[in-house]
Amino acid sequence: MESTYMANKLTSEASTGATARSVRRKANGPATAALLIQMATEILMASPTMRQRANITLTDLAAADKVRKSLIKPTLKL
């Protein structure tokens, strides 16, 4: 009997949640770009084969990390 109650409760919560409007959050372009650069850098540092295929050197990755840090600085000052 209790499981029926829980199923009904979940069903009623799901149906009321579907009608509610979601709030769209404001995008943070520099923070998103910095995160993507960090992810790509970590992947490429771990994979020499992928770096070679993409013709990317470790110097390129160091330069990308500098750009990532410069993108983060303005967001930290807020």
N, C-alpha and C. Protein backbone atom coordinates (compact mmCIF):
# COMPACT_ATOMS: atom_id res chain seq x y z
N MET A 1 0.82 -1.18 0.00
CA MET A 1 0.00 0.00 0.00
C MET A 1 0.87 1.26 0.00
N GLU A 2 1.94 1.22 0.76
CA GLU A 2 2.81 2.38 0.82
C GLU A 2 3.47 2.65 -0.53
N SER A 3 3.82 1.61 -1.27
CA SER A 3 4.45 1.81 -2.57
C SER A 3 3.48 2.47 -3.55
N THR A 4 2.21 2.18 -3.44
CA THR A 4 1.21 2.82 -4.28
C THR A 4 1.13 4.31 -3.96
N TYR A 5 1.20 4.62 -2.67
CA TYR A 5 1.18 6.02 -2.26
C TYR A 5 2.39 6.77 -2.83
N MET A 6 3.57 6.15 -2.75
CA MET A 6 4.78 6.78 -3.25
C MET A 6 4.70 6.97 -4.77
N ALA A 7 4.18 5.98 -5.48
CA ALA A 7 4.05 6.08 -6.93
C ALA A 7 3.10 7.20 -7.30
N ASN A 8 1.98 7.32 -6.58
CA ASN A 8 1.02 8.39 -6.85
C ASN A 8 1.64 9.75 -6.54
N LYS A 9 2.41 9.83 -5.47
CA LYS A 9 3.05 11.08 -5.09
C LYS A 9 4.06 11.49 -6.17
N LEU A 10 4.87 10.54 -6.65
CA LEU A 10 5.85 10.84 -7.68
C LEU A 10 5.18 11.26 -8.98
N THR A 11 4.09 10.60 -9.31
CA THR A 11 3.36 10.93 -10.54
C THR A 11 2.78 12.34 -10.45
N SER A 12 2.22 12.69 -9.30
CA SER A 12 1.63 14.02 -9.17
C SER A 12 2.70 15.10 -9.17
N GLU A 13 3.87 14.82 -8.58
CA GLU A 13 4.95 15.80 -8.59
C GLU A 13 5.51 15.98 -10.00
N ALA A 14 5.59 14.91 -10.74
CA ALA A 14 6.11 14.98 -12.11
C ALA A 14 5.18 15.77 -13.01
N SER A 15 3.89 15.59 -12.81
CA SER A 15 2.94 16.29 -13.68
C SER A 15 2.91 17.78 -13.36
N THR A 16 3.08 18.17 -12.10
CA THR A 16 3.08 19.60 -11.78
C THR A 16 4.39 20.25 -12.17
N GLY A 17 5.49 19.51 -12.15
CA GLY A 17 6.79 20.05 -12.52
C GLY A 17 6.91 20.31 -14.00
N ALA A 18 6.18 19.58 -14.80
CA ALA A 18 6.27 19.73 -16.26
C ALA A 18 5.66 21.05 -16.72
N THR A 19 4.71 21.58 -15.98
CA THR A 19 4.07 22.82 -16.38
C THR A 19 4.82 24.05 -15.92
N ALA A 20 5.74 23.91 -14.97
CA ALA A 20 6.49 25.05 -14.47
C ALA A 20 7.51 25.48 -15.52
N ARG A 21 7.71 26.78 -15.64
CA ARG A 21 8.68 27.32 -16.58
C ARG A 21 10.06 27.31 -15.95
N SER A 22 11.04 26.92 -16.72
CA SER A 22 12.41 26.92 -16.21
C SER A 22 13.01 28.31 -16.42
N VAL A 23 13.86 28.68 -15.50
CA VAL A 23 14.52 29.97 -15.59
C VAL A 23 15.84 29.78 -16.33
N ARG A 24 16.04 30.58 -17.34
CA ARG A 24 17.27 30.47 -18.11
C ARG A 24 18.35 31.29 -17.43
N ARG A 25 19.49 30.64 -17.17
CA ARG A 25 20.55 31.36 -16.50
C ARG A 25 21.38 32.13 -17.52
N LYS A 26 21.98 33.18 -17.06
CA LYS A 26 22.78 34.02 -17.94
C LYS A 26 24.09 33.32 -18.26
N ALA A 27 24.46 33.30 -19.51
CA ALA A 27 25.70 32.65 -19.94
C ALA A 27 26.90 33.52 -19.59
N ASN A 28 27.98 32.86 -19.22
CA ASN A 28 29.22 33.56 -18.93
C ASN A 28 30.25 33.09 -19.96
N GLY A 29 30.36 33.84 -21.04
CA GLY A 29 31.20 33.46 -22.16
C GLY A 29 32.67 33.22 -21.81
N PRO A 30 33.33 34.17 -21.14
CA PRO A 30 34.75 33.96 -20.82
C PRO A 30 34.99 32.75 -19.90
N ALA A 31 34.11 32.53 -18.95
CA ALA A 31 34.27 31.39 -18.05
C ALA A 31 34.06 30.08 -18.80
N THR A 32 33.10 30.06 -19.70
CA THR A 32 32.85 28.86 -20.50
C THR A 32 34.03 28.57 -21.43
N ALA A 33 34.55 29.62 -22.06
CA ALA A 33 35.70 29.45 -22.94
C ALA A 33 36.92 28.96 -22.16
N ALA A 34 37.12 29.50 -20.97
CA ALA A 34 38.25 29.07 -20.15
C ALA A 34 38.12 27.60 -19.76
N LEU A 35 36.91 27.18 -19.44
CA LEU A 35 36.69 25.78 -19.08
C LEU A 35 36.95 24.86 -20.27
N LEU A 36 36.49 25.26 -21.45
CA LEU A 36 36.72 24.44 -22.64
C LEU A 36 38.20 24.36 -23.00
N ILE A 37 38.92 25.47 -22.83
CA ILE A 37 40.36 25.45 -23.09
C ILE A 37 41.06 24.52 -22.10
N GLN A 38 40.64 24.58 -20.84
CA GLN A 38 41.25 23.72 -19.83
C GLN A 38 40.99 22.25 -20.15
N MET A 39 39.77 21.92 -20.54
CA MET A 39 39.44 20.53 -20.87
C MET A 39 40.27 20.04 -22.06
N ALA A 40 40.34 20.85 -23.10
CA ALA A 40 41.10 20.46 -24.28
C ALA A 40 42.58 20.31 -23.96
N THR A 41 43.11 21.21 -23.16
CA THR A 41 44.53 21.15 -22.79
C THR A 41 44.83 19.88 -22.03
N GLU A 42 43.96 19.53 -21.07
CA GLU A 42 44.17 18.31 -20.29
C GLU A 42 44.11 17.06 -21.17
N ILE A 43 43.18 17.05 -22.10
CA ILE A 43 43.06 15.89 -23.00
C ILE A 43 44.28 15.77 -23.89
N LEU A 44 44.72 16.90 -24.45
CA LEU A 44 45.86 16.87 -25.36
C LEU A 44 47.18 16.61 -24.63
N MET A 45 47.30 17.04 -23.39
CA MET A 45 48.52 16.75 -22.61
C MET A 45 48.64 15.25 -22.36
N ALA A 46 47.52 14.59 -22.20
CA ALA A 46 47.52 13.16 -21.89
C ALA A 46 47.65 12.30 -23.15
N SER A 47 47.48 12.88 -24.32
CA SER A 47 47.47 12.08 -25.54
C SER A 47 48.45 12.62 -26.59
N PRO A 48 49.68 12.11 -26.57
CA PRO A 48 50.66 12.57 -27.58
C PRO A 48 50.23 12.27 -29.02
N THR A 49 49.54 11.15 -29.21
CA THR A 49 49.08 10.80 -30.56
C THR A 49 48.09 11.82 -31.08
N MET A 50 47.17 12.22 -30.23
CA MET A 50 46.18 13.21 -30.65
C MET A 50 46.84 14.56 -30.93
N ARG A 51 47.83 14.92 -30.11
CA ARG A 51 48.58 16.16 -30.34
C ARG A 51 49.29 16.11 -31.69
N GLN A 52 49.89 14.98 -32.00
CA GLN A 52 50.62 14.84 -33.25
C GLN A 52 49.67 14.93 -34.45
N ARG A 53 48.52 14.28 -34.35
CA ARG A 53 47.54 14.33 -35.45
C ARG A 53 47.01 15.74 -35.68
N ALA A 54 46.85 16.49 -34.59
CA ALA A 54 46.34 17.85 -34.70
C ALA A 54 47.45 18.86 -34.95
N ASN A 55 48.70 18.38 -34.96
CA ASN A 55 49.86 19.24 -35.16
C ASN A 55 49.92 20.35 -34.10
N ILE A 56 49.75 19.95 -32.84
CA ILE A 56 49.79 20.88 -31.70
C ILE A 56 50.98 20.50 -30.83
N THR A 57 51.78 21.49 -30.49
CA THR A 57 52.96 21.25 -29.66
C THR A 57 52.65 21.61 -28.21
N LEU A 58 53.57 21.23 -27.34
CA LEU A 58 53.41 21.59 -25.92
C LEU A 58 53.49 23.11 -25.74
N THR A 59 54.24 23.77 -26.61
CA THR A 59 54.31 25.23 -26.58
C THR A 59 52.94 25.83 -26.89
N ASP A 60 52.23 25.24 -27.83
CA ASP A 60 50.88 25.70 -28.16
C ASP A 60 49.95 25.54 -26.95
N LEU A 61 50.10 24.44 -26.25
CA LEU A 61 49.26 24.21 -25.09
C LEU A 61 49.58 25.20 -23.96
N ALA A 62 50.86 25.54 -23.83
CA ALA A 62 51.23 26.54 -22.83
C ALA A 62 50.64 27.90 -23.18
N ALA A 63 50.63 28.25 -24.46
CA ALA A 63 50.03 29.50 -24.90
C ALA A 63 48.52 29.50 -24.66
N ALA A 64 47.89 28.36 -24.89
CA ALA A 64 46.45 28.26 -24.64
C ALA A 64 46.15 28.43 -23.15
N ASP A 65 47.03 27.91 -22.30
CA ASP A 65 46.83 28.05 -20.86
C ASP A 65 46.96 29.51 -20.44
N LYS A 66 47.85 30.26 -21.08
CA LYS A 66 47.97 31.70 -20.80
C LYS A 66 46.67 32.43 -21.17
N VAL A 67 46.13 32.06 -22.31
CA VAL A 67 44.86 32.68 -22.74
C VAL A 67 43.76 32.33 -21.75
N ARG A 68 43.73 31.07 -21.31
CA ARG A 68 42.71 30.65 -20.34
C ARG A 68 42.82 31.47 -19.06
N LYS A 69 44.03 31.68 -18.59
CA LYS A 69 44.22 32.46 -17.36
C LYS A 69 43.80 33.91 -17.55
N SER A 70 44.05 34.46 -18.74
CA SER A 70 43.64 35.84 -18.99
C SER A 70 42.11 35.96 -19.08
N LEU A 71 41.45 34.90 -19.51
CA LEU A 71 39.98 34.93 -19.55
C LEU A 71 39.39 34.84 -18.15
N ILE A 72 40.08 34.17 -17.25
CA ILE A 72 39.57 33.99 -15.89
C ILE A 72 39.75 35.25 -15.06
N LYS A 73 40.83 36.01 -15.28
CA LYS A 73 41.12 37.18 -14.45
C LYS A 73 39.97 38.18 -14.35
N PRO A 74 39.34 38.58 -15.45
CA PRO A 74 38.23 39.54 -15.32
C PRO A 74 37.05 38.97 -14.51
N THR A 75 36.81 37.68 -14.58
CA THR A 75 35.68 37.12 -13.85
C THR A 75 35.97 37.04 -12.36
N LEU A 76 37.24 36.94 -11.98
CA LEU A 76 37.58 36.88 -10.56
C LEU A 76 37.45 38.22 -9.89
N LYS A 77 37.58 39.32 -10.64
CA LYS A 77 37.51 40.66 -10.07
C LYS A 77 36.09 41.09 -9.74
N LEU A 78 35.10 40.40 -10.29
CA LEU A 78 33.71 40.79 -10.06
C LEU A 78 33.34 40.57 -8.69
